[in-house]
Amino acid sequence: MDNALIIRDLEPIFADILDQSDLRLAPESSASNVEGWDSLAHINLIVAIEKRYRIKFALGELQDLKNLGEMVILIQRKTRS
C-alpha cells in the first residue's frame, strides 16, 4: 500500500477520534498543525491504528516520529513483516 492510500485509510480514524468529519490529512500533518490532536487523542489514535493494521508499536518507535508521513513509513515497515 502506498503512502497516499494509507493516509486516505487513516483519515476516517483521525476524523472520528478528533471529531472532525471533514478532516484532510497530509504527510506533514502533526499534532502541532491538526486541531484537537492532543496527548489523549494521540494515545487513542495509536490504539486505533494498531487495531486497524493488526500491529503493535514499541514506545521507542513512536517517540521520534515528527509527522504523519513518518508514521505511514512505520506502518508500511510493520505490515510487510
PDB file of N, CA and C in Angstrom:
ATOM      1  N   MET A   1       0.849  -1.177   0.000  1.00  0.00           N
ATOM      2  CA  MET A   1       0.000   0.000   0.000  1.00  0.00           C
ATOM      3  C   MET A   1       0.896   1.242   0.000  1.00  0.00           C
ATOM      4  N   ASP A   2       0.610   2.176  -0.889  1.00  0.00           N
ATOM      5  CA  ASP A   2       1.476   3.351  -0.939  1.00  0.00           C
ATOM      6  C   ASP A   2       1.061   4.410   0.082  1.00  0.00           C
ATOM      7  N   ASN A   3       1.908   5.411   0.246  1.00  0.00           N
ATOM      8  CA  ASN A   3       1.704   6.428   1.285  1.00  0.00           C
ATOM      9  C   ASN A   3       0.348   7.113   1.191  1.00  0.00           C
ATOM     10  N   ALA A   4      -0.032   7.531  -0.009  1.00  0.00           N
ATOM     11  CA  ALA A   4      -1.297   8.252  -0.176  1.00  0.00           C
ATOM     12  C   ALA A   4      -2.488   7.376   0.195  1.00  0.00           C
ATOM     13  N   LEU A   5      -2.435   6.102  -0.155  1.00  0.00           N
ATOM     14  CA  LEU A   5      -3.531   5.198   0.196  1.00  0.00           C
ATOM     15  C   LEU A   5      -3.627   4.995   1.706  1.00  0.00           C
ATOM     16  N   ILE A   6      -2.504   4.872   2.361  1.00  0.00           N
ATOM     17  CA  ILE A   6      -2.518   4.706   3.817  1.00  0.00           C
ATOM     18  C   ILE A   6      -3.077   5.970   4.471  1.00  0.00           C
ATOM     19  N   ILE A   7      -2.656   7.132   3.992  1.00  0.00           N
ATOM     20  CA  ILE A   7      -3.181   8.381   4.569  1.00  0.00           C
ATOM     21  C   ILE A   7      -4.692   8.452   4.380  1.00  0.00           C
ATOM     22  N   ARG A   8      -5.192   8.103   3.200  1.00  0.00           N
ATOM     23  CA  ARG A   8      -6.645   8.100   2.974  1.00  0.00           C
ATOM     24  C   ARG A   8      -7.334   7.085   3.886  1.00  0.00           C
ATOM     25  N   ASP A   9      -6.671   5.961   4.130  1.00  0.00           N
ATOM     26  CA  ASP A   9      -7.211   4.933   5.006  1.00  0.00           C
ATOM     27  C   ASP A   9      -7.261   5.421   6.459  1.00  0.00           C
ATOM     28  N   LEU A  10      -6.302   6.259   6.834  1.00  0.00           N
ATOM     29  CA  LEU A  10      -6.237   6.785   8.200  1.00  0.00           C
ATOM     30  C   LEU A  10      -7.204   7.950   8.444  1.00  0.00           C
ATOM     31  N   GLU A  11      -7.605   8.643   7.396  1.00  0.00           N
ATOM     32  CA  GLU A  11      -8.452   9.830   7.574  1.00  0.00           C
ATOM     33  C   GLU A  11      -9.724   9.565   8.368  1.00  0.00           C
ATOM     34  N   PRO A  12     -10.474   8.479   8.095  1.00  0.00           N
ATOM     35  CA  PRO A  12     -11.679   8.244   8.906  1.00  0.00           C
ATOM     36  C   PRO A  12     -11.377   7.976  10.382  1.00  0.00           C
ATOM     37  N   ILE A  13     -10.251   7.343  10.654  1.00  0.00           N
ATOM     38  CA  ILE A  13      -9.851   7.078  12.040  1.00  0.00           C
ATOM     39  C   ILE A  13      -9.576   8.402  12.741  1.00  0.00           C
ATOM     40  N   PHE A  14      -8.768   9.249  12.112  1.00  0.00           N
ATOM     41  CA  PHE A  14      -8.447  10.557  12.684  1.00  0.00           C
ATOM     42  C   PHE A  14      -9.704  11.421  12.806  1.00  0.00           C
ATOM     43  N   ALA A  15     -10.546  11.410  11.769  1.00  0.00           N
ATOM     44  CA  ALA A  15     -11.769  12.220  11.784  1.00  0.00           C
ATOM     45  C   ALA A  15     -12.672  11.821  12.944  1.00  0.00           C
ATOM     46  N   ASP A  16     -12.774  10.524  13.195  1.00  0.00           N
ATOM     47  CA  ASP A  16     -13.624  10.037  14.279  1.00  0.00           C
ATOM     48  C   ASP A  16     -13.046  10.420  15.638  1.00  0.00           C
ATOM     49  N   ILE A  17     -11.777  10.151  15.848  1.00  0.00           N
ATOM     50  CA  ILE A  17     -11.159  10.420  17.151  1.00  0.00           C
ATOM     51  C   ILE A  17     -11.052  11.913  17.429  1.00  0.00           C
ATOM     52  N   LEU A  18     -10.746  12.698  16.386  1.00  0.00           N
ATOM     53  CA  LEU A  18     -10.604  14.144  16.574  1.00  0.00           C
ATOM     54  C   LEU A  18     -11.924  14.883  16.377  1.00  0.00           C
ATOM     55  N   ASP A  19     -12.987  14.135  16.066  1.00  0.00           N
ATOM     56  CA  ASP A  19     -14.329  14.694  15.881  1.00  0.00           C
ATOM     57  C   ASP A  19     -14.337  15.815  14.835  1.00  0.00           C
ATOM     58  N   GLN A  20     -13.731  15.501  13.683  1.00  0.00           N
ATOM     59  CA  GLN A  20     -13.663  16.449  12.562  1.00  0.00           C
ATOM     60  C   GLN A  20     -14.037  15.703  11.283  1.00  0.00           C
ATOM     61  N   SER A  21     -15.297  15.721  10.925  1.00  0.00           N
ATOM     62  CA  SER A  21     -15.780  14.927   9.801  1.00  0.00           C
ATOM     63  C   SER A  21     -15.151  15.321   8.466  1.00  0.00           C
ATOM     64  N   ASP A  22     -14.707  16.549   8.317  1.00  0.00           N
ATOM     65  CA  ASP A  22     -14.133  16.996   7.052  1.00  0.00           C
ATOM     66  C   ASP A  22     -12.598  17.043   7.077  1.00  0.00           C
ATOM     67  N   LEU A  23     -11.984  16.340   7.997  1.00  0.00           N
ATOM     68  CA  LEU A  23     -10.532  16.359   8.159  1.00  0.00           C
ATOM     69  C   LEU A  23      -9.830  15.786   6.936  1.00  0.00           C
ATOM     70  N   ARG A  24      -8.818  16.491   6.467  1.00  0.00           N
ATOM     71  CA  ARG A  24      -7.957  16.014   5.387  1.00  0.00           C
ATOM     72  C   ARG A  24      -6.532  16.000   5.919  1.00  0.00           C
ATOM     73  N   LEU A  25      -5.878  14.875   5.730  1.00  0.00           N
ATOM     74  CA  LEU A  25      -4.525  14.701   6.242  1.00  0.00           C
ATOM     75  C   LEU A  25      -3.509  14.748   5.112  1.00  0.00           C
ATOM     76  N   ALA A  26      -2.290  15.080   5.469  1.00  0.00           N
ATOM     77  CA  ALA A  26      -1.162  15.106   4.539  1.00  0.00           C
ATOM     78  C   ALA A  26       0.045  14.528   5.263  1.00  0.00           C
ATOM     79  N   PRO A  27       1.087  14.176   4.532  1.00  0.00           N
ATOM     80  CA  PRO A  27       2.281  13.650   5.199  1.00  0.00           C
ATOM     81  C   PRO A  27       2.833  14.600   6.256  1.00  0.00           C
ATOM     82  N   GLU A  28       2.632  15.896   6.082  1.00  0.00           N
ATOM     83  CA  GLU A  28       3.145  16.895   7.019  1.00  0.00           C
ATOM     84  C   GLU A  28       2.243  17.088   8.246  1.00  0.00           C
ATOM     85  N   SER A  29       1.080  16.449   8.257  1.00  0.00           N
ATOM     86  CA  SER A  29       0.155  16.604   9.387  1.00  0.00           C
ATOM     87  C   SER A  29       0.814  16.111  10.670  1.00  0.00           C
ATOM     88  N   SER A  30       0.607  16.881  11.745  1.00  0.00           N
ATOM     89  CA  SER A  30       1.173  16.514  13.048  1.00  0.00           C
ATOM     90  C   SER A  30       0.305  17.129  14.137  1.00  0.00           C
ATOM     91  N   ALA A  31       0.622  16.791  15.366  1.00  0.00           N
ATOM     92  CA  ALA A  31      -0.133  17.337  16.491  1.00  0.00           C
ATOM     93  C   ALA A  31      -0.039  18.857  16.537  1.00  0.00           C
ATOM     94  N   SER A  32       1.022  19.413  16.004  1.00  0.00           N
ATOM     95  CA  SER A  32       1.183  20.872  16.062  1.00  0.00           C
ATOM     96  C   SER A  32       0.342  21.609  15.021  1.00  0.00           C
ATOM     97  N   ASN A  33      -0.155  20.907  13.991  1.00  0.00           N
ATOM     98  CA  ASN A  33      -0.934  21.609  12.978  1.00  0.00           C
ATOM     99  C   ASN A  33      -2.303  21.000  12.688  1.00  0.00           C
ATOM    100  N   VAL A  34      -2.731  20.043  13.519  1.00  0.00           N
ATOM    101  CA  VAL A  34      -4.068  19.464  13.381  1.00  0.00           C
ATOM    102  C   VAL A  34      -4.844  19.738  14.661  1.00  0.00           C
ATOM    103  N   GLU A  35      -5.928  20.447  14.519  1.00  0.00           N
ATOM    104  CA  GLU A  35      -6.741  20.833  15.669  1.00  0.00           C
ATOM    105  C   GLU A  35      -7.258  19.596  16.415  1.00  0.00           C
ATOM    106  N   GLY A  36      -7.132  19.616  17.726  1.00  0.00           N
ATOM    107  CA  GLY A  36      -7.654  18.541  18.560  1.00  0.00           C
ATOM    108  C   GLY A  36      -6.702  17.374  18.781  1.00  0.00           C
ATOM    109  N   TRP A  37      -5.558  17.381  18.111  1.00  0.00           N
ATOM    110  CA  TRP A  37      -4.600  16.284  18.244  1.00  0.00           C
ATOM    111  C   TRP A  37      -3.719  16.561  19.458  1.00  0.00           C
ATOM    112  N   ASP A  38      -4.246  16.221  20.618  1.00  0.00           N
ATOM    113  CA  ASP A  38      -3.511  16.413  21.862  1.00  0.00           C
ATOM    114  C   ASP A  38      -2.988  15.058  22.347  1.00  0.00           C
ATOM    115  N   SER A  39      -2.441  15.033  23.541  1.00  0.00           N
ATOM    116  CA  SER A  39      -1.810  13.800  24.029  1.00  0.00           C
ATOM    117  C   SER A  39      -2.809  12.659  24.211  1.00  0.00           C
ATOM    118  N   LEU A  40      -4.006  12.952  24.689  1.00  0.00           N
ATOM    119  CA  LEU A  40      -5.019  11.906  24.849  1.00  0.00           C
ATOM    120  C   LEU A  40      -5.481  11.396  23.489  1.00  0.00           C
ATOM    121  N   ALA A  41      -5.723  12.304  22.570  1.00  0.00           N
ATOM    122  CA  ALA A  41      -6.107  11.901  21.212  1.00  0.00           C
ATOM    123  C   ALA A  41      -5.000  11.053  20.584  1.00  0.00           C
ATOM    124  N   HIS A  42      -3.757  11.411  20.846  1.00  0.00           N
ATOM    125  CA  HIS A  42      -2.622  10.674  20.283  1.00  0.00           C
ATOM    126  C   HIS A  42      -2.651   9.214  20.739  1.00  0.00           C
ATOM    127  N   ILE A  43      -2.899   8.995  22.006  1.00  0.00           N
ATOM    128  CA  ILE A  43      -2.987   7.621  22.522  1.00  0.00           C
ATOM    129  C   ILE A  43      -4.120   6.877  21.834  1.00  0.00           C
ATOM    130  N   ASN A  44      -5.271   7.521  21.717  1.00  0.00           N
ATOM    131  CA  ASN A  44      -6.416   6.890  21.060  1.00  0.00           C
ATOM    132  C   ASN A  44      -6.134   6.600  19.588  1.00  0.00           C
ATOM    133  N   LEU A  45      -5.419   7.506  18.928  1.00  0.00           N
ATOM    134  CA  LEU A  45      -5.050   7.287  17.525  1.00  0.00           C
ATOM    135  C   LEU A  45      -4.126   6.082  17.390  1.00  0.00           C
ATOM    136  N   ILE A  46      -3.131   5.989  18.257  1.00  0.00           N
ATOM    137  CA  ILE A  46      -2.183   4.864  18.201  1.00  0.00           C
ATOM    138  C   ILE A  46      -2.918   3.543  18.400  1.00  0.00           C
ATOM    139  N   VAL A  47      -3.796   3.485  19.383  1.00  0.00           N
ATOM    140  CA  VAL A  47      -4.557   2.254  19.650  1.00  0.00           C
ATOM    141  C   VAL A  47      -5.414   1.892  18.442  1.00  0.00           C
ATOM    142  N   ALA A  48      -6.080   2.873  17.851  1.00  0.00           N
ATOM    143  CA  ALA A  48      -6.939   2.615  16.692  1.00  0.00           C
ATOM    144  C   ALA A  48      -6.124   2.163  15.484  1.00  0.00           C
ATOM    145  N   ILE A  49      -4.960   2.757  15.279  1.00  0.00           N
ATOM    146  CA  ILE A  49      -4.099   2.374  14.155  1.00  0.00           C
ATOM    147  C   ILE A  49      -3.569   0.957  14.361  1.00  0.00           C
ATOM    148  N   GLU A  50      -3.160   0.645  15.580  1.00  0.00           N
ATOM    149  CA  GLU A  50      -2.691  -0.720  15.869  1.00  0.00           C
ATOM    150  C   GLU A  50      -3.801  -1.731  15.589  1.00  0.00           C
ATOM    151  N   LYS A  51      -5.000  -1.410  15.985  1.00  0.00           N
ATOM    152  CA  LYS A  51      -6.129  -2.317  15.770  1.00  0.00           C
ATOM    153  C   LYS A  51      -6.429  -2.455  14.281  1.00  0.00           C
ATOM    154  N   ARG A  52      -6.456  -1.347  13.563  1.00  0.00           N
ATOM    155  CA  ARG A  52      -6.785  -1.353  12.131  1.00  0.00           C
ATOM    156  C   ARG A  52      -5.797  -2.198  11.334  1.00  0.00           C
ATOM    157  N   TYR A  53      -4.513  -2.047  11.633  1.00  0.00           N
ATOM    158  CA  TYR A  53      -3.479  -2.741  10.863  1.00  0.00           C
ATOM    159  C   TYR A  53      -2.970  -4.010  11.534  1.00  0.00           C
ATOM    160  N   ARG A  54      -3.516  -4.323  12.704  1.00  0.00           N
ATOM    161  CA  ARG A  54      -3.115  -5.521  13.462  1.00  0.00           C
ATOM    162  C   ARG A  54      -1.603  -5.551  13.688  1.00  0.00           C
ATOM    163  N   ILE A  55      -1.120  -4.419  14.199  1.00  0.00           N
ATOM    164  CA  ILE A  55       0.302  -4.272  14.508  1.00  0.00           C
ATOM    165  C   ILE A  55       0.436  -3.719  15.919  1.00  0.00           C
ATOM    166  N   LYS A  56       1.650  -3.742  16.442  1.00  0.00           N
ATOM    167  CA  LYS A  56       1.956  -3.137  17.736  1.00  0.00           C
ATOM    168  C   LYS A  56       3.182  -2.252  17.568  1.00  0.00           C
ATOM    169  N   PHE A  57       3.087  -1.055  18.126  1.00  0.00           N
ATOM    170  CA  PHE A  57       4.216  -0.139  18.108  1.00  0.00           C
ATOM    171  C   PHE A  57       4.953  -0.226  19.435  1.00  0.00           C
ATOM    172  N   ALA A  58       6.260  -0.203  19.379  1.00  0.00           N
ATOM    173  CA  ALA A  58       7.069  -0.082  20.589  1.00  0.00           C
ATOM    174  C   ALA A  58       7.173   1.403  20.911  1.00  0.00           C
ATOM    175  N   LEU A  59       7.271   1.723  22.185  1.00  0.00           N
ATOM    176  CA  LEU A  59       7.348   3.123  22.598  1.00  0.00           C
ATOM    177  C   LEU A  59       8.485   3.852  21.884  1.00  0.00           C
ATOM    178  N   GLY A  60       9.623   3.210  21.777  1.00  0.00           N
ATOM    179  CA  GLY A  60      10.771   3.819  21.122  1.00  0.00           C
ATOM    180  C   GLY A  60      10.519   4.160  19.664  1.00  0.00           C
ATOM    181  N   GLU A  61       9.659   3.381  18.998  1.00  0.00           N
ATOM    182  CA  GLU A  61       9.339   3.656  17.599  1.00  0.00           C
ATOM    183  C   GLU A  61       8.515   4.934  17.457  1.00  0.00           C
ATOM    184  N   LEU A  62       7.715   5.226  18.442  1.00  0.00           N
ATOM    185  CA  LEU A  62       6.798   6.363  18.367  1.00  0.00           C
ATOM    186  C   LEU A  62       7.426   7.676  18.825  1.00  0.00           C
ATOM    187  N   GLN A  63       8.412   7.605  19.687  1.00  0.00           N
ATOM    188  CA  GLN A  63       8.973   8.804  20.300  1.00  0.00           C
ATOM    189  C   GLN A  63       9.579   9.783  19.308  1.00  0.00           C
ATOM    190  N   ASP A  64      10.173   9.287  18.247  1.00  0.00           N
ATOM    191  CA  ASP A  64      10.891  10.164  17.326  1.00  0.00           C
ATOM    192  C   ASP A  64      10.080  10.572  16.097  1.00  0.00           C
ATOM    193  N   LEU A  65       8.829  10.102  15.991  1.00  0.00           N
ATOM    194  CA  LEU A  65       8.017  10.455  14.830  1.00  0.00           C
ATOM    195  C   LEU A  65       7.687  11.942  14.856  1.00  0.00           C
ATOM    196  N   LYS A  66       7.870  12.605  13.722  1.00  0.00           N
ATOM    197  CA  LYS A  66       7.628  14.043  13.643  1.00  0.00           C
ATOM    198  C   LYS A  66       6.302  14.392  12.983  1.00  0.00           C
ATOM    199  N   ASN A  67       5.780  13.469  12.137  1.00  0.00           N
ATOM    200  CA  ASN A  67       4.547  13.781  11.418  1.00  0.00           C
ATOM    201  C   ASN A  67       3.894  12.492  10.912  1.00  0.00           C
ATOM    202  N   LEU A  68       2.771  12.665  10.253  1.00  0.00           N
ATOM    203  CA  LEU A  68       2.017  11.518   9.764  1.00  0.00           C
ATOM    204  C   LEU A  68       2.795  10.745   8.696  1.00  0.00           C
ATOM    205  N   GLY A  69       3.563  11.450   7.882  1.00  0.00           N
ATOM    206  CA  GLY A  69       4.363  10.779   6.858  1.00  0.00           C
ATOM    207  C   GLY A  69       5.313   9.761   7.452  1.00  0.00           C
ATOM    208  N   GLU A  70       5.947  10.109   8.560  1.00  0.00           N
ATOM    209  CA  GLU A  70       6.852   9.173   9.230  1.00  0.00           C
ATOM    210  C   GLU A  70       6.074   8.007   9.835  1.00  0.00           C
ATOM    211  N   MET A  71       4.851   8.270  10.321  1.00  0.00           N
ATOM    212  CA  MET A  71       4.001   7.202  10.847  1.00  0.00           C
ATOM    213  C   MET A  71       3.628   6.230   9.729  1.00  0.00           C
ATOM    214  N   VAL A  72       3.320   6.753   8.560  1.00  0.00           N
ATOM    215  CA  VAL A  72       2.962   5.916   7.424  1.00  0.00           C
ATOM    216  C   VAL A  72       4.126   4.992   7.057  1.00  0.00           C
ATOM    217  N   ILE A  73       5.338   5.511   7.049  1.00  0.00           N
ATOM    218  CA  ILE A  73       6.514   4.690   6.755  1.00  0.00           C
ATOM    219  C   ILE A  73       6.661   3.576   7.785  1.00  0.00           C
ATOM    220  N   LEU A  74       6.420   3.899   9.038  1.00  0.00           N
ATOM    221  CA  LEU A  74       6.485   2.890  10.099  1.00  0.00           C
ATOM    222  C   LEU A  74       5.392   1.835   9.911  1.00  0.00           C
ATOM    223  N   ILE A  75       4.191   2.250   9.550  1.00  0.00           N
ATOM    224  CA  ILE A  75       3.097   1.300   9.286  1.00  0.00           C
ATOM    225  C   ILE A  75       3.485   0.373   8.137  1.00  0.00           C
ATOM    226  N   GLN A  76       4.051   0.941   7.070  1.00  0.00           N
ATOM    227  CA  GLN A  76       4.477   0.126   5.939  1.00  0.00           C
ATOM    228  C   GLN A  76       5.502  -0.923   6.363  1.00  0.00           C
ATOM    229  N   ARG A  77       6.483  -0.505   7.150  1.00  0.00           N
ATOM    230  CA  ARG A  77       7.512  -1.445   7.616  1.00  0.00           C
ATOM    231  C   ARG A  77       6.891  -2.575   8.433  1.00  0.00           C
ATOM    232  N   LYS A  78       5.981  -2.220   9.330  1.00  0.00           N
ATOM    233  CA  LYS A  78       5.387  -3.228  10.221  1.00  0.00           C
ATOM    234  C   LYS A  78       4.425  -4.161   9.495  1.00  0.00           C
ATOM    235  N   THR A  79       3.772  -3.682   8.462  1.00  0.00           N
ATOM    236  CA  THR A  79       2.816  -4.544   7.760  1.00  0.00           C
ATOM    237  C   THR A  79       3.492  -5.428   6.727  1.00  0.00           C
ATOM    238  N   ARG A  80       4.730  -5.156   6.388  1.00  0.00           N
ATOM    239  CA  ARG A  80       5.479  -6.004   5.459  1.00  0.00           C
ATOM    240  C   ARG A  80       6.040  -7.242   6.138  1.00  0.00           C
ATOM    241  N   SER A  81       6.299  -7.138   7.445  1.00  0.00           N
ATOM    242  CA  SER A  81       6.944  -8.270   8.125  1.00  0.00           C
ATOM    243  C   SER A  81       5.949  -9.224   8.720  1.00  0.00           C
TER     244      SER A  81
END
